[in-house]
N, C-alpha and C. Protein backbone atom coordinates (compact mmCIF):
# COMPACT_ATOMS: atom_id res chain seq x y z
N MET A 1 107.54 77.34 118.18
CA MET A 1 108.97 77.85 117.19
C MET A 1 108.24 76.92 116.02
N ASN A 2 107.79 75.99 116.11
CA ASN A 2 106.86 74.93 114.76
C ASN A 2 106.06 75.05 114.19
N LYS A 3 105.21 76.42 114.34
CA LYS A 3 104.14 77.20 114.33
C LYS A 3 104.43 78.22 113.78
N LEU A 4 105.57 78.94 114.14
CA LEU A 4 106.20 80.13 113.04
C LEU A 4 106.60 79.01 111.98
N ILE A 5 107.28 78.45 112.34
CA ILE A 5 108.05 78.33 110.91
C ILE A 5 106.64 77.75 109.73
N GLU A 6 105.73 77.08 110.47
CA GLU A 6 104.13 76.43 109.66
C GLU A 6 103.68 77.47 108.69
N LYS A 7 103.60 78.82 109.57
CA LYS A 7 102.66 80.20 109.03
C LYS A 7 104.65 81.30 108.93
N PRO A 8 105.10 81.28 108.24
CA PRO A 8 106.01 82.55 108.38
C PRO A 8 105.48 83.49 107.82
N HIS A 9 104.27 83.60 107.23
CA HIS A 9 103.81 84.88 107.17
C HIS A 9 103.92 86.11 108.14
N LEU A 10 103.20 85.72 109.15
CA LEU A 10 102.93 86.11 110.49
C LEU A 10 104.35 86.58 111.27
N ILE A 11 105.61 85.98 111.25
CA ILE A 11 106.93 86.94 110.88
C ILE A 11 106.92 87.73 110.37
N PHE A 12 107.04 87.51 109.54
CA PHE A 12 107.20 88.91 108.09
C PHE A 12 106.25 90.20 108.56
N PHE A 13 105.21 89.42 108.55
CA PHE A 13 103.77 90.96 108.63
C PHE A 13 104.07 91.79 110.34
N LEU A 14 104.67 90.91 111.50
CA LEU A 14 105.16 91.33 112.13
C LEU A 14 105.89 92.41 112.65
N ALA A 15 107.03 91.74 111.51
CA ALA A 15 108.27 92.56 111.55
C ALA A 15 107.72 93.92 111.23
N ILE A 16 107.00 94.12 110.32
CA ILE A 16 106.92 95.85 109.59
C ILE A 16 107.01 96.41 110.17
N PRO A 17 106.06 96.42 111.19
CA PRO A 17 105.95 97.90 112.16
C PRO A 17 106.99 98.31 112.82
N ILE A 18 107.69 97.06 113.29
CA ILE A 18 109.11 97.24 114.04
C ILE A 18 109.94 97.65 113.15
N ILE A 19 109.84 97.25 112.33
CA ILE A 19 111.61 98.03 111.07
C ILE A 19 110.80 99.55 110.66
N MET A 20 109.81 99.84 110.75
CA MET A 20 108.64 101.15 110.23
C MET A 20 108.94 101.83 111.61
N LEU A 21 108.76 101.73 112.68
CA LEU A 21 109.73 102.25 114.25
C LEU A 21 110.71 102.77 114.34
N ILE A 22 111.53 101.50 114.03
CA ILE A 22 112.90 102.20 113.90
C ILE A 22 113.70 103.18 112.65
N GLY A 23 113.06 102.61 111.63
CA GLY A 23 113.38 103.61 110.23
C GLY A 23 112.54 105.30 110.38
N MET A 24 111.10 105.59 111.43
CA MET A 24 110.78 106.44 112.46
C MET A 24 111.82 107.17 113.12
N LEU A 25 112.42 106.52 113.81
CA LEU A 25 112.94 106.60 115.05
C LEU A 25 114.82 107.08 114.99
N SER A 26 114.42 107.17 113.78
CA SER A 26 116.49 107.05 113.77
C SER A 26 116.79 108.34 113.64
N GLY A 27 115.42 109.77 113.42
CA GLY A 27 115.83 110.74 112.71
C GLY A 27 116.36 111.00 111.52
N ASP A 28 117.78 111.27 111.45
CA ASP A 28 117.90 111.96 110.23
C ASP A 28 119.15 111.45 110.04
N ALA A 29 119.18 110.52 110.67
CA ALA A 29 120.51 109.08 110.13
C ALA A 29 120.30 108.90 108.81
N VAL A 30 121.58 108.62 108.36
CA VAL A 30 121.30 108.00 106.93
C VAL A 30 122.58 107.10 106.93
N LEU A 31 122.17 106.59 105.42
CA LEU A 31 123.34 105.31 105.29
C LEU A 31 123.91 105.32 103.94
N ASP A 32 125.33 105.73 104.30
CA ASP A 32 126.38 106.09 103.34
C ASP A 32 127.17 105.10 103.07
N ILE A 33 126.75 104.35 101.77
CA ILE A 33 127.81 103.75 101.04
C ILE A 33 128.05 104.21 99.49
N ASN A 34 129.75 103.94 99.83
CA ASN A 34 131.00 104.34 99.43
C ASN A 34 131.74 103.51 97.75
N VAL A 35 130.98 103.78 96.51
CA VAL A 35 131.53 102.55 95.66
C VAL A 35 132.67 103.54 94.53
N HIS A 36 133.16 103.53 94.84
CA HIS A 36 134.85 104.02 93.69
C HIS A 36 134.33 105.65 94.62
N ASP A 37 134.19 106.26 93.20
CA ASP A 37 133.93 107.73 93.60
C ASP A 37 132.61 108.64 93.65
N THR A 38 131.86 107.10 93.67
CA THR A 38 130.60 107.95 93.92
C THR A 38 129.99 107.63 95.52
N TYR A 39 129.00 108.22 96.21
CA TYR A 39 128.48 108.16 97.27
C TYR A 39 126.78 108.26 97.23
N TYR A 40 126.10 107.12 98.09
CA TYR A 40 124.88 106.63 97.45
C TYR A 40 124.43 106.97 98.95
N VAL A 41 123.63 107.83 99.43
CA VAL A 41 123.41 108.33 100.71
C VAL A 41 121.67 108.13 100.67
N ILE A 42 121.43 107.09 101.83
CA ILE A 42 119.66 106.86 101.78
C ILE A 42 119.61 106.93 103.29
N ALA A 43 118.42 107.50 103.42
CA ALA A 43 117.78 108.12 104.79
C ALA A 43 117.94 106.61 105.54
N TYR A 44 117.80 106.38 106.56
CA TYR A 44 117.32 105.10 107.45
C TYR A 44 115.52 104.85 106.96
N LEU A 45 115.12 106.13 107.19
CA LEU A 45 113.34 106.23 107.28
C LEU A 45 113.48 105.49 105.79
N TYR A 46 113.67 106.12 104.93
CA TYR A 46 113.44 105.15 103.38
C TYR A 46 113.73 103.51 103.13
N LEU A 47 114.98 103.63 104.12
CA LEU A 47 115.30 102.29 104.10
C LEU A 47 114.19 101.12 104.71
N SER A 48 114.03 101.67 105.82
CA SER A 48 112.71 101.33 106.47
C SER A 48 111.65 100.87 105.59
N ILE A 49 111.40 101.51 104.88
CA ILE A 49 109.89 102.39 103.62
C ILE A 49 110.20 100.51 102.58
N LEU A 50 111.18 100.83 102.27
CA LEU A 50 112.02 99.30 101.11
C LEU A 50 111.72 98.48 101.68
N ILE A 51 112.25 98.01 103.11
CA ILE A 51 112.45 96.75 103.88
C ILE A 51 110.98 96.21 104.36
N SER A 52 110.50 97.08 104.59
CA SER A 52 109.23 97.06 104.81
C SER A 52 107.73 96.58 103.64
N ILE A 53 108.32 96.98 102.39
CA ILE A 53 107.56 96.87 101.42
C ILE A 53 107.69 95.08 101.13
N LEU A 54 109.26 95.40 101.37
CA LEU A 54 109.79 93.73 100.93
C LEU A 54 109.21 92.48 100.99
N PHE A 55 109.05 93.19 102.97
CA PHE A 55 108.45 91.78 103.70
C PHE A 55 106.87 91.77 102.93
N GLY A 56 106.42 93.13 103.43
CA GLY A 56 105.38 92.89 102.83
C GLY A 56 104.99 91.80 101.71
N ILE A 57 105.42 91.70 100.68
CA ILE A 57 105.41 91.05 99.21
C ILE A 57 106.09 89.80 99.72
N ILE A 58 106.53 89.61 100.48
CA ILE A 58 107.00 88.03 101.13
C ILE A 58 105.87 87.36 102.10
N GLY A 59 105.63 88.17 102.97
CA GLY A 59 104.46 87.88 103.84
C GLY A 59 103.04 87.37 102.74
N THR A 60 102.71 88.24 101.80
CA THR A 60 101.67 88.16 100.78
C THR A 60 101.82 86.60 100.52
N GLY A 61 103.08 86.26 100.03
CA GLY A 61 103.34 85.23 99.10
C GLY A 61 103.53 84.08 100.07
N TYR A 62 103.83 83.85 101.25
CA TYR A 62 103.73 83.02 102.06
C TYR A 62 102.29 82.40 102.60
N TRP A 63 101.42 83.64 102.66
CA TRP A 63 99.76 83.73 102.96
C TRP A 63 99.34 83.22 101.80
N ILE A 64 99.30 83.45 100.61
CA ILE A 64 99.03 83.27 99.48
C ILE A 64 99.28 81.63 99.38
N MET A 65 100.37 80.98 99.77
CA MET A 65 100.94 79.67 99.69
C MET A 65 99.89 79.30 100.80
N LEU A 66 99.25 79.50 101.76
CA LEU A 66 99.09 79.26 102.92
C LEU A 66 97.63 78.82 102.62
N LYS A 67 96.94 80.13 101.65
CA LYS A 67 95.55 80.06 101.71
C LYS A 67 95.81 79.00 100.14
N ALA A 68 96.20 79.08 99.67
CA ALA A 68 95.80 77.55 98.39
C ALA A 68 96.22 76.25 98.45
N ASN A 69 96.29 76.20 100.28
CA ASN A 69 96.90 74.82 100.75
C ASN A 69 97.87 74.12 100.65
N ARG A 70 98.71 74.96 99.86
CA ARG A 70 100.15 74.13 99.34
C ARG A 70 101.05 74.16 100.50
N LYS A 71 101.98 73.11 100.44
CA LYS A 71 102.68 72.26 101.41
C LYS A 71 104.35 73.33 101.44
N LEU A 72 104.60 74.50 101.98
CA LEU A 72 105.99 74.46 101.86
C LEU A 72 107.17 73.54 102.54
N SER A 73 108.19 73.87 101.79
CA SER A 73 109.04 72.94 103.16
C SER A 73 109.81 73.56 104.50
N LYS A 74 109.70 73.07 105.63
CA LYS A 74 109.99 73.35 106.96
C LYS A 74 111.95 74.35 106.77
N TRP A 75 112.23 73.98 106.05
CA TRP A 75 113.71 73.83 106.31
C TRP A 75 113.89 75.08 105.26
N LEU A 76 113.17 75.42 104.60
CA LEU A 76 113.33 76.51 103.66
C LEU A 76 112.89 77.31 104.22
N ASN A 77 111.29 77.12 104.74
CA ASN A 77 111.00 78.75 105.30
C ASN A 77 112.32 79.02 106.46
N LEU A 78 112.65 77.78 107.25
CA LEU A 78 113.59 78.46 108.65
C LEU A 78 115.09 78.92 108.29
N ILE A 79 115.34 78.93 107.03
CA ILE A 79 116.32 79.51 106.48
C ILE A 79 116.34 80.68 106.09
N HIS A 80 115.44 80.70 105.32
CA HIS A 80 115.21 82.33 104.45
C HIS A 80 114.59 83.21 105.84
N ILE A 81 113.47 82.93 106.31
CA ILE A 81 113.36 83.42 108.10
C ILE A 81 114.12 84.17 108.38
N THR A 82 115.29 83.06 109.00
CA THR A 82 116.65 83.26 109.42
C THR A 82 117.43 84.22 109.04
N LEU A 83 117.52 83.66 108.04
CA LEU A 83 119.19 84.85 106.97
C LEU A 83 118.50 86.30 106.80
N SER A 84 116.76 86.05 106.33
CA SER A 84 115.92 87.60 106.18
C SER A 84 116.32 88.74 107.74
N ILE A 85 115.79 87.71 108.64
CA ILE A 85 115.21 88.67 110.26
C ILE A 85 116.39 88.62 110.44
N GLY A 86 117.38 87.77 110.61
CA GLY A 86 118.46 87.50 111.89
C GLY A 86 119.31 88.22 111.11
N GLY A 87 119.50 88.38 109.32
CA GLY A 87 120.88 88.74 109.13
C GLY A 87 120.25 90.59 109.25
N LEU A 88 118.81 91.16 108.97
CA LEU A 88 119.04 92.21 109.12
C LEU A 88 119.00 92.80 110.46
N ILE A 89 118.96 92.02 111.63
CA ILE A 89 119.13 92.44 113.09
C ILE A 89 120.61 92.49 113.57
N LEU A 90 121.33 91.27 112.74
CA LEU A 90 122.87 91.43 112.99
C LEU A 90 123.68 92.70 111.97
N ILE A 91 123.43 93.40 111.02
CA ILE A 91 123.83 94.08 110.34
C ILE A 91 123.17 95.53 111.20
N ARG A 92 122.06 95.51 111.64
CA ARG A 92 121.94 96.27 112.51
C ARG A 92 122.56 96.69 113.76
N ILE A 93 123.52 95.55 113.76
CA ILE A 93 123.37 95.69 115.62
C ILE A 93 125.20 96.50 115.30
N LEU A 94 125.81 95.41 113.65
CA LEU A 94 127.04 95.75 113.56
C LEU A 94 127.32 96.88 113.15
N MET A 95 126.25 97.66 112.80
CA MET A 95 126.05 99.21 112.10
C MET A 95 126.55 100.01 113.23
N GLN A 96 126.44 99.84 114.60
CA GLN A 96 126.66 100.41 116.01
C GLN A 96 128.20 100.73 116.21
N LEU A 97 128.65 99.29 116.07
CA LEU A 97 129.91 99.45 116.34
C LEU A 97 130.76 100.37 115.50
N PHE A 98 131.04 100.79 114.90
CA PHE A 98 131.69 101.68 114.26
C PHE A 98 132.98 102.99 114.83
N ARG A 99 133.63 102.81 114.89
CA ARG A 99 134.32 104.02 115.47
C ARG A 99 134.40 105.23 114.37
N GLU A 100 134.45 106.30 115.00
CA GLU A 100 134.64 107.75 115.10
C GLU A 100 136.02 107.45 115.37
N PRO A 101 136.63 108.25 114.10
CA PRO A 101 138.22 107.90 113.94
C PRO A 101 139.06 109.30 114.94
N GLU A 102 139.53 108.60 115.96
CA GLU A 102 140.25 110.02 116.92
C GLU A 102 141.82 109.97 116.15
N THR A 103 142.34 111.02 116.76
CA THR A 103 144.14 111.50 115.97
C THR A 103 144.84 110.67 116.51
N GLU A 104 144.39 109.46 117.89
CA GLU A 104 145.63 108.92 118.40
C GLU A 104 145.79 107.50 117.85
N THR A 105 144.19 107.00 117.32
CA THR A 105 144.20 106.07 117.16
C THR A 105 143.77 105.66 115.79
N LEU A 106 144.42 106.84 114.90
CA LEU A 106 143.59 106.60 113.69
C LEU A 106 143.60 105.36 112.71
N LEU A 107 144.47 104.80 112.85
CA LEU A 107 144.71 103.56 112.23
C LEU A 107 144.47 102.25 113.02
N SER A 108 144.43 102.60 113.60
CA SER A 108 143.96 101.37 114.53
C SER A 108 142.01 101.01 113.87
N ASP A 109 141.66 102.52 114.20
CA ASP A 109 139.79 102.22 113.76
C ASP A 109 139.67 102.40 112.41
N PHE A 110 140.73 102.68 111.97
CA PHE A 110 140.05 102.80 110.05
C PHE A 110 140.37 101.55 110.09
N ASP A 111 141.42 100.31 110.79
CA ASP A 111 141.23 98.67 110.31
C ASP A 111 140.09 97.70 110.78
N PHE A 112 139.56 98.50 112.08
CA PHE A 112 138.85 98.26 112.63
C PHE A 112 137.51 98.07 112.03
N ASN A 113 137.35 99.94 111.27
CA ASN A 113 135.85 100.08 110.56
C ASN A 113 136.03 99.30 109.22
N LYS A 114 137.50 99.15 108.70
CA LYS A 114 137.09 98.36 107.02
C LYS A 114 136.85 96.54 107.47
N ASN A 115 137.31 96.51 108.38
CA ASN A 115 136.87 94.83 108.77
C ASN A 115 135.52 94.49 109.07
N LEU A 116 135.41 95.65 109.99
CA LEU A 116 133.73 95.72 110.16
C LEU A 116 132.75 95.83 108.54
N ASN A 117 133.04 97.00 107.95
CA ASN A 117 132.84 96.95 106.58
C ASN A 117 132.63 95.04 106.05
N ILE A 118 133.87 94.58 105.74
CA ILE A 118 134.20 93.29 105.09
C ILE A 118 132.97 91.64 105.63
N VAL A 119 132.60 92.33 107.03
CA VAL A 119 131.90 91.70 107.45
C VAL A 119 130.09 92.07 107.73
N MET A 120 130.31 92.74 107.32
CA MET A 120 128.90 93.41 107.11
C MET A 120 128.60 92.78 105.88
N PHE A 121 129.26 93.04 104.54
CA PHE A 121 129.34 93.06 103.57
C PHE A 121 129.07 91.09 103.54
N ILE A 122 129.91 90.62 104.12
CA ILE A 122 129.50 88.96 103.91
C ILE A 122 128.24 88.06 104.55
N VAL A 123 127.63 89.82 105.68
CA VAL A 123 126.28 88.83 105.95
C VAL A 123 125.47 89.51 105.04
N ALA A 124 125.11 90.87 104.37
CA ALA A 124 124.57 91.37 103.73
C ALA A 124 124.47 89.81 102.41
N LEU A 125 125.52 89.15 102.29
CA LEU A 125 125.54 88.49 101.35
C LEU A 125 124.63 87.41 101.44
N PHE A 126 124.26 86.81 102.64
CA PHE A 126 123.69 85.57 103.32
C PHE A 126 122.69 86.35 102.96
N VAL A 127 122.08 87.34 103.72
CA VAL A 127 121.08 88.16 103.29
C VAL A 127 120.28 87.70 102.28
N ILE A 128 121.20 88.25 101.12
CA ILE A 128 120.62 88.24 99.92
C ILE A 128 120.70 86.63 99.61
N PHE A 129 121.21 85.64 99.33
CA PHE A 129 121.05 84.46 99.69
C PHE A 129 119.72 83.89 99.79
N GLY A 130 119.63 84.65 101.17
CA GLY A 130 118.15 84.16 102.39
C GLY A 130 117.06 84.46 100.88
N GLN A 131 116.94 85.50 100.23
CA GLN A 131 116.08 85.88 99.34
C GLN A 131 115.90 85.29 97.99
N ILE A 132 116.81 84.24 97.82
CA ILE A 132 117.14 83.52 96.23
C ILE A 132 116.45 81.98 97.01
N VAL A 133 116.26 81.78 98.29
CA VAL A 133 115.89 80.84 99.07
C VAL A 133 114.35 80.89 98.83
N TYR A 134 113.84 81.97 98.76
CA TYR A 134 112.30 82.17 99.23
C TYR A 134 111.51 81.37 97.91
N PRO A 135 111.75 82.04 96.41
CA PRO A 135 110.85 81.55 95.21
C PRO A 135 111.04 80.49 94.89
N ILE A 136 112.77 79.86 95.62
CA ILE A 136 112.68 77.67 95.13
C ILE A 136 111.64 77.57 96.49
N ASN A 137 111.55 78.06 97.62
CA ASN A 137 110.43 77.39 98.06
C ASN A 137 109.18 77.76 97.50
N ILE A 138 108.98 78.42 97.21
CA ILE A 138 107.80 78.99 96.22
C ILE A 138 107.17 77.97 95.21
N ILE A 139 108.18 77.68 94.60
CA ILE A 139 107.75 76.92 93.29
C ILE A 139 108.50 75.55 93.51
N ILE A 140 109.13 75.20 94.64
CA ILE A 140 108.86 73.12 94.85
C ILE A 140 107.45 73.77 96.21
N GLY A 141 107.04 74.67 96.55
CA GLY A 141 105.97 74.48 96.72
C GLY A 141 104.52 74.27 95.90
N LEU A 142 104.36 75.17 94.96
CA LEU A 142 103.57 75.17 93.74
C LEU A 142 103.58 74.01 92.90
N ILE A 143 105.06 73.08 92.68
CA ILE A 143 105.07 71.49 92.49
C ILE A 143 104.63 70.50 93.23
N LYS A 144 104.38 70.32 94.41
CA LYS A 144 104.37 69.92 95.29
C LYS A 144 103.43 69.24 95.16
N LYS A 145 102.07 68.18 95.53
CA LYS A 145 100.89 67.94 96.05
C LYS A 145 100.12 68.65 97.13
N ARG A 146 99.16 69.00 97.38
CA ARG A 146 98.73 69.53 98.30
C ARG A 146 98.39 69.36 99.40
N ASN A 147 98.63 70.04 100.36
CA ASN A 147 97.99 69.24 101.87
C ASN A 147 96.94 68.39 102.19
N LYS A 148 96.86 67.20 102.98
CA LYS A 148 96.06 66.49 103.10
C LYS A 148 95.71 66.81 104.56
N THR A 149 94.28 68.25 104.19
CA THR A 149 93.72 68.57 105.05
C THR A 149 92.49 68.36 105.11
N SER A 150 91.38 68.36 105.79
CA SER A 150 90.12 68.52 105.74
C SER A 150 89.51 69.78 105.40
N GLY A 151 88.68 69.93 104.76
CA GLY A 151 87.77 70.93 103.97
C GLY A 151 88.21 71.63 102.67
């Protein structure tokens, strides 16, 4: 575990094929986002491509910091990895809990889905906060002194 926190680029690079596989296996499934009177429809395949590109950029940034022999904060690495990967996994699990409204329980299903949307929104805010931690960690790593390793 400590090795993965010291080399976070491995986690992000290994997550890319898994995310792409999930996106390809989702078929024609789409993510519907309703903002007032406008619906934004995004296919899971395109969403997985977008997340994979983001993870590729993040992983490359971590790899460059490792090759430049710059020391990153282990705590900020852990926070960023947990919020990024864990948040996406949690959102994916919560998406599976949505209920299709039935005529007998229409109101209770609506309330459940509404509360589930609120929880997913809060988790998404934590994931976004995790992405703000990343540049802070990179900047701190650039300001700190170099690692004291041989070579």
